[in-house]
């Protein structure tokens, strides 16, 4: 999930709410990508369902936080 944090940091560094919001949208998209990768990992047998559910819960939490920040900037 480093890309999520990187986009968030870049957005904060730009100085405007509009730029920050744009980078938050990118961060949220990256969180969705992580979920897709995890689903592939389950199908290929790299991780089990239990680990997937834990990671998925973390991703849902992160996505909700990012969505809340995006709404606060609208």
C-alpha atoms as a PDB file:
ATOM      1  CA  UNK A   1       0.000   0.000   0.000  1.00  0.00           C
ATOM      2  CA  UNK A   2       2.921   2.402  -0.370  1.00  0.00           C
ATOM      3  CA  UNK A   3       1.376   4.004  -3.462  1.00  0.00           C
ATOM      4  CA  UNK A   4      -1.681   4.970  -1.424  1.00  0.00           C
ATOM      5  CA  UNK A   5       0.501   6.831   1.085  1.00  0.00           C
ATOM      6  CA  UNK A   6       2.687   8.351  -1.645  1.00  0.00           C
ATOM      7  CA  UNK A   7      -0.288   9.857  -3.473  1.00  0.00           C
ATOM      8  CA  UNK A   8      -1.680  11.174  -0.214  1.00  0.00           C
ATOM      9  CA  UNK A   9       1.651  12.834   0.611  1.00  0.00           C
ATOM     10  CA  UNK A  10       2.036  14.329  -2.858  1.00  0.00           C
ATOM     11  CA  UNK A  11      -1.451  15.782  -2.645  1.00  0.00           C
ATOM     12  CA  UNK A  12      -0.760  17.398   0.709  1.00  0.00           C
ATOM     13  CA  UNK A  13       2.452  18.873  -0.611  1.00  0.00           C
ATOM     14  CA  UNK A  14       0.752  20.599  -3.544  1.00  0.00           C
ATOM     15  CA  UNK A  15      -0.844  23.167  -1.265  1.00  0.00           C
ATOM     16  CA  UNK A  16      -4.368  23.387  -2.667  1.00  0.00           C
ATOM     17  CA  UNK A  17      -7.486  21.485  -1.644  1.00  0.00           C
ATOM     18  CA  UNK A  18      -8.215  20.750  -5.306  1.00  0.00           C
ATOM     19  CA  UNK A  19      -4.843  19.036  -5.804  1.00  0.00           C
ATOM     20  CA  UNK A  20      -5.132  17.193  -2.495  1.00  0.00           C
ATOM     21  CA  UNK A  21      -8.571  15.895  -3.510  1.00  0.00           C
ATOM     22  CA  UNK A  22      -7.236  14.720  -6.875  1.00  0.00           C
ATOM     23  CA  UNK A  23      -4.442  12.749  -5.227  1.00  0.00           C
ATOM     24  CA  UNK A  24      -6.897  11.303  -2.697  1.00  0.00           C
ATOM     25  CA  UNK A  25      -8.956   9.995  -5.615  1.00  0.00           C
ATOM     26  CA  UNK A  26      -5.824   8.345  -6.991  1.00  0.00           C
ATOM     27  CA  UNK A  27      -5.098   6.877  -3.544  1.00  0.00           C
ATOM     28  CA  UNK A  28      -8.590   5.430  -3.330  1.00  0.00           C
ATOM     29  CA  UNK A  29      -8.164   3.874  -6.768  1.00  0.00           C
ATOM     30  CA  UNK A  30      -4.906   2.316  -5.602  1.00  0.00           C
ATOM     31  CA  UNK A  31      -6.721   0.766  -2.639  1.00  0.00           C
ATOM     32  CA  UNK A  32      -9.187  -0.854  -5.042  1.00  0.00           C
ATOM     33  CA  UNK A  33      -6.246  -2.152  -7.087  1.00  0.00           C
ATOM     34  CA  UNK A  34      -4.719  -3.728  -3.971  1.00  0.00           C
ATOM     35  CA  UNK A  35      -7.990  -5.562  -3.379  1.00  0.00           C
ATOM     36  CA  UNK A  36      -7.953  -6.906  -6.938  1.00  0.00           C
ATOM     37  CA  UNK A  37      -4.385  -8.114  -6.511  1.00  0.00           C
ATOM     38  CA  UNK A  38      -5.332  -9.848  -3.253  1.00  0.00           C
ATOM     39  CA  UNK A  39      -8.202 -11.640  -4.990  1.00  0.00           C
ATOM     40  CA  UNK A  40      -5.769 -12.915  -7.612  1.00  0.00           C
ATOM     41  CA  UNK A  41      -3.400 -14.049  -4.848  1.00  0.00           C
ATOM     42  CA  UNK A  42      -6.201 -16.088  -3.271  1.00  0.00           C
ATOM     43  CA  UNK A  43      -7.069 -17.720  -6.595  1.00  0.00           C
ATOM     44  CA  UNK A  44      -3.426 -18.612  -7.179  1.00  0.00           C
ATOM     45  CA  UNK A  45      -3.059 -19.983  -3.655  1.00  0.00           C
ATOM     46  CA  UNK A  46      -0.507 -17.414  -2.465  1.00  0.00           C
ATOM     47  CA  UNK A  47      -2.681 -16.400   0.500  1.00  0.00           C
ATOM     48  CA  UNK A  48      -5.589 -18.064   2.252  1.00  0.00           C
ATOM     49  CA  UNK A  49      -9.156 -16.845   2.624  1.00  0.00           C
ATOM     50  CA  UNK A  50      -8.580 -15.883   6.266  1.00  0.00           C
ATOM     51  CA  UNK A  51      -5.687 -13.572   5.386  1.00  0.00           C
ATOM     52  CA  UNK A  52      -7.666 -12.176   2.464  1.00  0.00           C
ATOM     53  CA  UNK A  53     -10.587 -11.295   4.756  1.00  0.00           C
ATOM     54  CA  UNK A  54      -8.248  -9.514   7.170  1.00  0.00           C
ATOM     55  CA  UNK A  55      -6.550  -7.534   4.417  1.00  0.00           C
ATOM     56  CA  UNK A  56      -9.915  -6.808   2.788  1.00  0.00           C
ATOM     57  CA  UNK A  57     -11.173  -5.383   6.084  1.00  0.00           C
ATOM     58  CA  UNK A  58      -8.141  -3.107   6.250  1.00  0.00           C
ATOM     59  CA  UNK A  59      -8.694  -1.968   2.666  1.00  0.00           C
ATOM     60  CA  UNK A  60     -12.378  -1.234   3.332  1.00  0.00           C
ATOM     61  CA  UNK A  61     -11.404   0.841   6.379  1.00  0.00           C
ATOM     62  CA  UNK A  62      -8.746   2.775   4.445  1.00  0.00           C
ATOM     63  CA  UNK A  63     -11.121   3.345   1.527  1.00  0.00           C
ATOM     64  CA  UNK A  64     -13.808   4.720   3.858  1.00  0.00           C
ATOM     65  CA  UNK A  65     -11.318   7.106   5.465  1.00  0.00           C
ATOM     66  CA  UNK A  66     -10.120   8.361   2.083  1.00  0.00           C
ATOM     67  CA  UNK A  67     -13.722   8.751   0.866  1.00  0.00           C
ATOM     68  CA  UNK A  68     -14.535  10.790   3.978  1.00  0.00           C
ATOM     69  CA  UNK A  69     -11.600  13.091   3.314  1.00  0.00           C
ATOM     70  CA  UNK A  70     -12.653  13.495  -0.310  1.00  0.00           C
ATOM     71  CA  UNK A  71     -16.190  14.453   0.754  1.00  0.00           C
ATOM     72  CA  UNK A  72     -14.829  16.978   3.255  1.00  0.00           C
ATOM     73  CA  UNK A  73     -12.980  18.740   0.429  1.00  0.00           C
ATOM     74  CA  UNK A  74     -16.002  19.057  -1.887  1.00  0.00           C
END
